[in-house]
Structures are given as structure tokens and as C-alpha cells.
Amino acid sequence: MSSRAFQVWQQFTGSMQQGNNHWQDLIADDITFTGPMDQVEGKADFIKLNQDFFKIVRGYDIHRHICDDNTVVTECTLRVSSPKGTDVAFDLAEIYSIEDGKIKSVNIYWDPREFAQAFSG
């Protein structure tokens, strides 16, 4: 396990959970994000995507993580507030690729059907 990759991931997720902007310093300029509902490339687009998303996040619980070289894989539950005022929880898996002390890519896997239903008109 690369302890540096693990430290970067810890700082990144910790910053996001604390609500400060240090996480932005930990992402590569050419970061890619791939998820079932969004795909973005580049630091500016990744920051915008997350800043908008943070407005509805109500909780993020990491159940476990695995580190291997420059990859961190997590299993977690994300809770968000829907426009209907209810909280919706999603189980997801995340794969972080970390190079030179920066997060190079994030791939997220989850079933978006419940999210789509909670956020549909």
C-alpha cells in the first residue's frame, strides 16, 4: 500500500466532510470523474460538479476502504436531501487513482434509479 496515496485520500475525504476547500488542492488539473449520471474532465468542472452536489449532501459514511499502490477503493453510503424534502440513501463504491500526491481520477458506481425517482418532478 502506498501510504502517500492513502494520506491524500484521507485528506480529500476529510476536507469534503468538514466542508472546507482543501480538497480542491488535492486534485490534479486533468482529473476525470465518471459516474452513472455525470462525467467531467478537468479541475474546474470537477470542482463545480462537487460544489453544486455538496448543497444536497446530508451524510457520507465510509464502511470500508482498500488501498493498493496508487488506488483507493471505498464502500460507503451517501445521504442526500431530495427536492421533496426527504433524505435518500445510496450505497456506492468509489475508485480513486492518485498520482504525484494528487487525485487523478474518481470512478463512482451506484444504482441511480432511486436517485432519479427522488429527484423527478
N, C-alpha and C. Protein backbone atom coordinates (compact mmCIF):
# COMPACT_ATOMS: atom_id res chain seq x y z
N MET A 1 0.84 -1.18 0.00
CA MET A 1 0.00 0.00 0.00
C MET A 1 0.88 1.24 0.00
N SER A 2 0.53 2.18 -0.83
CA SER A 2 1.22 3.45 -0.84
C SER A 2 0.63 4.33 0.25
N SER A 3 1.42 4.59 1.29
CA SER A 3 0.89 5.39 2.39
C SER A 3 0.60 6.82 1.93
N ARG A 4 1.34 7.31 0.94
CA ARG A 4 1.10 8.67 0.44
C ARG A 4 -0.27 8.74 -0.25
N ALA A 5 -0.61 7.75 -1.05
CA ALA A 5 -1.92 7.73 -1.72
C ALA A 5 -3.03 7.68 -0.68
N PHE A 6 -2.86 6.87 0.35
CA PHE A 6 -3.85 6.78 1.40
C PHE A 6 -4.00 8.11 2.13
N GLN A 7 -2.90 8.78 2.40
CA GLN A 7 -2.94 10.07 3.08
C GLN A 7 -3.67 11.12 2.23
N VAL A 8 -3.41 11.13 0.94
CA VAL A 8 -4.09 12.07 0.04
C VAL A 8 -5.58 11.81 0.08
N TRP A 9 -5.98 10.54 -0.03
CA TRP A 9 -7.40 10.19 0.01
C TRP A 9 -8.03 10.61 1.34
N GLN A 10 -7.34 10.35 2.45
CA GLN A 10 -7.86 10.74 3.77
C GLN A 10 -8.04 12.25 3.87
N GLN A 11 -7.07 13.00 3.39
CA GLN A 11 -7.16 14.46 3.43
C GLN A 11 -8.31 14.95 2.55
N PHE A 12 -8.45 14.34 1.39
CA PHE A 12 -9.50 14.71 0.44
C PHE A 12 -10.89 14.48 1.04
N THR A 13 -11.15 13.27 1.51
CA THR A 13 -12.47 12.97 2.06
C THR A 13 -12.71 13.73 3.36
N GLY A 14 -11.68 13.89 4.17
CA GLY A 14 -11.82 14.65 5.40
C GLY A 14 -12.20 16.09 5.14
N SER A 15 -11.56 16.69 4.16
CA SER A 15 -11.86 18.08 3.79
C SER A 15 -13.28 18.22 3.29
N MET A 16 -13.71 17.27 2.46
CA MET A 16 -15.08 17.32 1.96
C MET A 16 -16.08 17.20 3.11
N GLN A 17 -15.82 16.30 4.04
CA GLN A 17 -16.75 16.10 5.16
C GLN A 17 -16.75 17.29 6.11
N GLN A 18 -15.61 17.96 6.24
CA GLN A 18 -15.53 19.13 7.12
C GLN A 18 -16.09 20.39 6.46
N GLY A 19 -16.26 20.34 5.15
CA GLY A 19 -16.83 21.49 4.45
C GLY A 19 -15.84 22.60 4.15
N ASN A 20 -14.55 22.29 4.17
CA ASN A 20 -13.57 23.31 3.77
C ASN A 20 -13.12 23.05 2.34
N ASN A 21 -12.31 23.91 1.77
CA ASN A 21 -11.92 23.80 0.36
C ASN A 21 -10.55 23.17 0.14
N HIS A 22 -9.93 22.60 1.17
CA HIS A 22 -8.61 21.98 1.00
C HIS A 22 -8.65 20.85 -0.04
N TRP A 23 -9.79 20.18 -0.19
CA TRP A 23 -9.91 19.08 -1.15
C TRP A 23 -9.56 19.54 -2.56
N GLN A 24 -9.79 20.81 -2.86
CA GLN A 24 -9.51 21.33 -4.20
C GLN A 24 -8.01 21.33 -4.51
N ASP A 25 -7.18 21.46 -3.47
CA ASP A 25 -5.72 21.44 -3.65
C ASP A 25 -5.20 20.03 -3.91
N LEU A 26 -6.03 19.03 -3.68
CA LEU A 26 -5.60 17.63 -3.77
C LEU A 26 -6.01 16.96 -5.07
N ILE A 27 -6.58 17.72 -6.00
CA ILE A 27 -7.00 17.13 -7.27
C ILE A 27 -6.11 17.64 -8.40
N ALA A 28 -5.84 16.74 -9.33
CA ALA A 28 -4.99 17.06 -10.48
C ALA A 28 -5.74 17.98 -11.45
N ASP A 29 -5.00 18.79 -12.16
CA ASP A 29 -5.60 19.70 -13.14
C ASP A 29 -6.39 18.95 -14.21
N ASP A 30 -5.93 17.74 -14.54
CA ASP A 30 -6.58 16.96 -15.60
C ASP A 30 -7.41 15.80 -15.04
N ILE A 31 -7.96 15.98 -13.85
CA ILE A 31 -8.77 14.93 -13.21
C ILE A 31 -9.94 14.53 -14.10
N THR A 32 -10.31 13.26 -14.01
CA THR A 32 -11.53 12.79 -14.67
C THR A 32 -12.45 12.20 -13.60
N PHE A 33 -13.73 12.42 -13.79
CA PHE A 33 -14.75 11.87 -12.92
C PHE A 33 -15.74 11.13 -13.79
N THR A 34 -16.04 9.89 -13.39
CA THR A 34 -17.02 9.09 -14.12
C THR A 34 -17.99 8.48 -13.12
N GLY A 35 -19.27 8.75 -13.32
CA GLY A 35 -20.32 8.18 -12.51
C GLY A 35 -21.51 7.88 -13.40
N PRO A 36 -22.55 7.25 -12.85
CA PRO A 36 -23.68 6.86 -13.69
C PRO A 36 -24.50 8.04 -14.21
N MET A 37 -24.37 9.21 -13.59
CA MET A 37 -25.18 10.34 -14.03
C MET A 37 -24.36 11.50 -14.56
N ASP A 38 -23.07 11.54 -14.27
CA ASP A 38 -22.21 12.65 -14.70
C ASP A 38 -20.83 12.14 -15.08
N GLN A 39 -20.23 12.81 -16.04
CA GLN A 39 -18.84 12.60 -16.39
C GLN A 39 -18.25 13.99 -16.64
N VAL A 40 -17.11 14.27 -16.01
CA VAL A 40 -16.44 15.55 -16.23
C VAL A 40 -14.95 15.33 -16.36
N GLU A 41 -14.31 16.28 -17.02
CA GLU A 41 -12.85 16.28 -17.16
C GLU A 41 -12.35 17.65 -16.79
N GLY A 42 -11.27 17.68 -16.03
CA GLY A 42 -10.63 18.94 -15.67
C GLY A 42 -11.03 19.41 -14.28
N LYS A 43 -10.09 20.09 -13.66
CA LYS A 43 -10.25 20.53 -12.28
C LYS A 43 -11.44 21.48 -12.10
N ALA A 44 -11.58 22.45 -12.97
CA ALA A 44 -12.67 23.43 -12.83
C ALA A 44 -14.04 22.76 -12.89
N ASP A 45 -14.22 21.84 -13.82
CA ASP A 45 -15.51 21.15 -13.94
C ASP A 45 -15.76 20.21 -12.77
N PHE A 46 -14.71 19.56 -12.28
CA PHE A 46 -14.85 18.68 -11.13
C PHE A 46 -15.24 19.47 -9.88
N ILE A 47 -14.61 20.62 -9.69
CA ILE A 47 -14.95 21.48 -8.54
C ILE A 47 -16.39 21.95 -8.65
N LYS A 48 -16.80 22.41 -9.80
CA LYS A 48 -18.18 22.88 -10.00
C LYS A 48 -19.18 21.76 -9.72
N LEU A 49 -18.93 20.58 -10.26
CA LEU A 49 -19.81 19.44 -10.03
C LEU A 49 -19.97 19.17 -8.53
N ASN A 50 -18.88 19.16 -7.81
CA ASN A 50 -18.93 18.84 -6.39
C ASN A 50 -19.53 19.97 -5.56
N GLN A 51 -19.21 21.22 -5.88
CA GLN A 51 -19.79 22.32 -5.11
C GLN A 51 -21.31 22.33 -5.24
N ASP A 52 -21.81 22.07 -6.42
CA ASP A 52 -23.26 22.00 -6.61
C ASP A 52 -23.85 20.82 -5.84
N PHE A 53 -23.17 19.68 -5.89
CA PHE A 53 -23.66 18.46 -5.25
C PHE A 53 -23.63 18.58 -3.72
N PHE A 54 -22.61 19.25 -3.17
CA PHE A 54 -22.47 19.38 -1.72
C PHE A 54 -23.70 20.03 -1.09
N LYS A 55 -24.41 20.83 -1.84
CA LYS A 55 -25.57 21.54 -1.31
C LYS A 55 -26.67 20.58 -0.85
N ILE A 56 -26.70 19.39 -1.41
CA ILE A 56 -27.76 18.44 -1.06
C ILE A 56 -27.27 17.27 -0.20
N VAL A 57 -25.97 17.17 0.03
CA VAL A 57 -25.41 16.06 0.81
C VAL A 57 -25.73 16.26 2.29
N ARG A 58 -26.26 15.20 2.90
CA ARG A 58 -26.61 15.22 4.32
C ARG A 58 -25.74 14.27 5.14
N GLY A 59 -25.02 13.39 4.48
CA GLY A 59 -24.15 12.48 5.21
C GLY A 59 -23.37 11.58 4.26
N TYR A 60 -22.22 11.13 4.72
CA TYR A 60 -21.33 10.28 3.94
C TYR A 60 -20.63 9.36 4.91
N ASP A 61 -20.97 8.09 4.88
CA ASP A 61 -20.39 7.12 5.80
C ASP A 61 -19.55 6.12 5.03
N ILE A 62 -18.27 6.05 5.36
CA ILE A 62 -17.37 5.10 4.74
C ILE A 62 -17.39 3.83 5.57
N HIS A 63 -17.80 2.73 4.95
CA HIS A 63 -17.87 1.45 5.65
C HIS A 63 -16.54 0.73 5.65
N ARG A 64 -15.84 0.82 4.53
CA ARG A 64 -14.50 0.23 4.44
C ARG A 64 -13.79 0.79 3.23
N HIS A 65 -12.48 0.64 3.26
CA HIS A 65 -11.65 1.07 2.14
C HIS A 65 -10.50 0.09 1.96
N ILE A 66 -10.02 0.04 0.75
CA ILE A 66 -8.89 -0.82 0.40
C ILE A 66 -7.90 0.04 -0.38
N CYS A 67 -6.63 -0.07 -0.02
CA CYS A 67 -5.59 0.67 -0.72
C CYS A 67 -4.63 -0.31 -1.37
N ASP A 68 -4.26 -0.01 -2.61
CA ASP A 68 -3.31 -0.83 -3.34
C ASP A 68 -2.52 0.09 -4.25
N ASP A 69 -1.24 0.22 -4.01
CA ASP A 69 -0.38 1.13 -4.76
C ASP A 69 -0.98 2.53 -4.76
N ASN A 70 -1.43 3.00 -5.92
CA ASN A 70 -1.97 4.35 -6.04
C ASN A 70 -3.48 4.35 -6.21
N THR A 71 -4.13 3.31 -5.75
CA THR A 71 -5.58 3.19 -5.88
C THR A 71 -6.20 3.02 -4.49
N VAL A 72 -7.28 3.76 -4.26
CA VAL A 72 -8.07 3.60 -3.04
C VAL A 72 -9.49 3.29 -3.49
N VAL A 73 -10.05 2.21 -2.94
CA VAL A 73 -11.41 1.78 -3.25
C VAL A 73 -12.22 1.86 -1.96
N THR A 74 -13.42 2.45 -2.05
CA THR A 74 -14.26 2.57 -0.87
C THR A 74 -15.62 1.93 -1.09
N GLU A 75 -16.22 1.54 0.01
CA GLU A 75 -17.62 1.15 0.05
C GLU A 75 -18.27 2.09 1.05
N CYS A 76 -19.30 2.82 0.63
CA CYS A 76 -19.87 3.83 1.50
C CYS A 76 -21.36 4.03 1.25
N THR A 77 -21.97 4.81 2.13
CA THR A 77 -23.36 5.20 1.98
C THR A 77 -23.41 6.72 1.94
N LEU A 78 -24.11 7.24 0.97
CA LEU A 78 -24.28 8.68 0.79
C LEU A 78 -25.74 9.01 1.02
N ARG A 79 -25.98 10.05 1.82
CA ARG A 79 -27.35 10.52 2.05
C ARG A 79 -27.49 11.92 1.49
N VAL A 80 -28.54 12.12 0.70
CA VAL A 80 -28.80 13.43 0.10
C VAL A 80 -30.25 13.83 0.38
N SER A 81 -30.49 15.13 0.33
CA SER A 81 -31.83 15.67 0.51
C SER A 81 -32.46 15.87 -0.86
N SER A 82 -33.66 15.34 -1.04
CA SER A 82 -34.36 15.47 -2.32
C SER A 82 -35.17 16.76 -2.34
N PRO A 83 -35.61 17.20 -3.52
CA PRO A 83 -36.47 18.38 -3.59
C PRO A 83 -37.77 18.20 -2.83
N LYS A 84 -38.16 16.97 -2.59
CA LYS A 84 -39.39 16.68 -1.84
C LYS A 84 -39.18 16.81 -0.33
N GLY A 85 -37.94 17.09 0.08
CA GLY A 85 -37.64 17.27 1.49
C GLY A 85 -37.29 16.01 2.25
N THR A 86 -37.20 14.91 1.57
CA THR A 86 -36.84 13.65 2.22
C THR A 86 -35.37 13.33 1.97
N ASP A 87 -34.77 12.62 2.89
CA ASP A 87 -33.40 12.15 2.70
C ASP A 87 -33.44 10.80 2.01
N VAL A 88 -32.54 10.63 1.05
CA VAL A 88 -32.42 9.39 0.30
C VAL A 88 -31.00 8.88 0.48
N ALA A 89 -30.85 7.59 0.79
CA ALA A 89 -29.53 7.00 1.00
C ALA A 89 -29.17 6.09 -0.16
N PHE A 90 -27.89 6.12 -0.55
CA PHE A 90 -27.39 5.31 -1.65
C PHE A 90 -26.12 4.61 -1.21
N ASP A 91 -26.04 3.32 -1.50
CA ASP A 91 -24.79 2.59 -1.30
C ASP A 91 -23.99 2.73 -2.58
N LEU A 92 -22.70 3.00 -2.43
CA LEU A 92 -21.87 3.18 -3.62
C LEU A 92 -20.46 2.69 -3.38
N ALA A 93 -19.77 2.49 -4.50
CA ALA A 93 -18.35 2.15 -4.48
C ALA A 93 -17.61 3.25 -5.23
N GLU A 94 -16.46 3.63 -4.72
CA GLU A 94 -15.65 4.67 -5.34
C GLU A 94 -14.25 4.12 -5.59
N ILE A 95 -13.69 4.50 -6.72
CA ILE A 95 -12.31 4.13 -7.03
C ILE A 95 -11.53 5.41 -7.32
N TYR A 96 -10.53 5.66 -6.50
CA TYR A 96 -9.68 6.84 -6.64
C TYR A 96 -8.32 6.41 -7.18
N SER A 97 -7.84 7.11 -8.19
CA SER A 97 -6.48 6.91 -8.69
C SER A 97 -5.68 8.14 -8.30
N ILE A 98 -4.55 7.92 -7.63
CA ILE A 98 -3.76 9.01 -7.08
C ILE A 98 -2.35 8.94 -7.64
N GLU A 99 -1.90 10.06 -8.23
CA GLU A 99 -0.56 10.14 -8.81
C GLU A 99 0.10 11.44 -8.36
N ASP A 100 1.35 11.35 -7.97
CA ASP A 100 2.13 12.53 -7.58
C ASP A 100 1.42 13.39 -6.53
N GLY A 101 0.76 12.73 -5.58
CA GLY A 101 0.11 13.45 -4.50
C GLY A 101 -1.20 14.13 -4.86
N LYS A 102 -1.74 13.81 -6.03
CA LYS A 102 -3.00 14.42 -6.48
C LYS A 102 -3.96 13.33 -6.94
N ILE A 103 -5.24 13.58 -6.77
CA ILE A 103 -6.25 12.64 -7.25
C ILE A 103 -6.42 12.86 -8.75
N LYS A 104 -6.13 11.83 -9.50
CA LYS A 104 -6.12 11.87 -10.96
C LYS A 104 -7.47 11.46 -11.55
N SER A 105 -8.14 10.52 -10.90
CA SER A 105 -9.46 10.12 -11.39
C SER A 105 -10.30 9.59 -10.24
N VAL A 106 -11.62 9.75 -10.42
CA VAL A 106 -12.59 9.21 -9.48
C VAL A 106 -13.67 8.52 -10.31
N ASN A 107 -13.90 7.26 -10.03
CA ASN A 107 -14.98 6.50 -10.67
C ASN A 107 -15.94 6.06 -9.57
N ILE A 108 -17.21 6.35 -9.77
CA ILE A 108 -18.22 6.02 -8.77
C ILE A 108 -19.25 5.09 -9.39
N TYR A 109 -19.60 4.06 -8.64
CA TYR A 109 -20.56 3.07 -9.11
C TYR A 109 -21.69 2.96 -8.11
N TRP A 110 -22.92 3.16 -8.60
CA TRP A 110 -24.12 3.02 -7.78
C TRP A 110 -25.32 2.95 -8.70
N ASP A 111 -26.43 2.51 -8.15
CA ASP A 111 -27.67 2.38 -8.92
C ASP A 111 -28.41 3.72 -8.85
N PRO A 112 -28.53 4.45 -9.95
CA PRO A 112 -29.12 5.78 -9.93
C PRO A 112 -30.65 5.81 -9.97
N ARG A 113 -31.29 4.66 -10.03
CA ARG A 113 -32.75 4.66 -10.19
C ARG A 113 -33.48 5.32 -9.04
N GLU A 114 -33.09 5.02 -7.81
CA GLU A 114 -33.76 5.63 -6.66
C GLU A 114 -33.52 7.14 -6.62
N PHE A 115 -32.31 7.55 -6.97
CA PHE A 115 -31.97 8.97 -7.04
C PHE A 115 -32.85 9.66 -8.09
N ALA A 116 -32.95 9.07 -9.26
CA ALA A 116 -33.76 9.65 -10.34
C ALA A 116 -35.22 9.77 -9.91
N GLN A 117 -35.72 8.76 -9.23
CA GLN A 117 -37.10 8.78 -8.76
C GLN A 117 -37.30 9.89 -7.72
N ALA A 118 -36.37 10.03 -6.78
CA ALA A 118 -36.49 11.03 -5.73
C ALA A 118 -36.38 12.45 -6.28
N PHE A 119 -35.66 12.61 -7.40
CA PHE A 119 -35.42 13.94 -7.96
C PHE A 119 -36.28 14.25 -9.19
N SER A 120 -37.16 13.34 -9.55
CA SER A 120 -38.04 13.61 -10.70
C SER A 120 -39.22 14.44 -10.24
N GLY A 121 -39.76 15.21 -11.19
CA GLY A 121 -40.87 16.12 -10.93
C GLY A 121 -42.00 15.49 -10.26
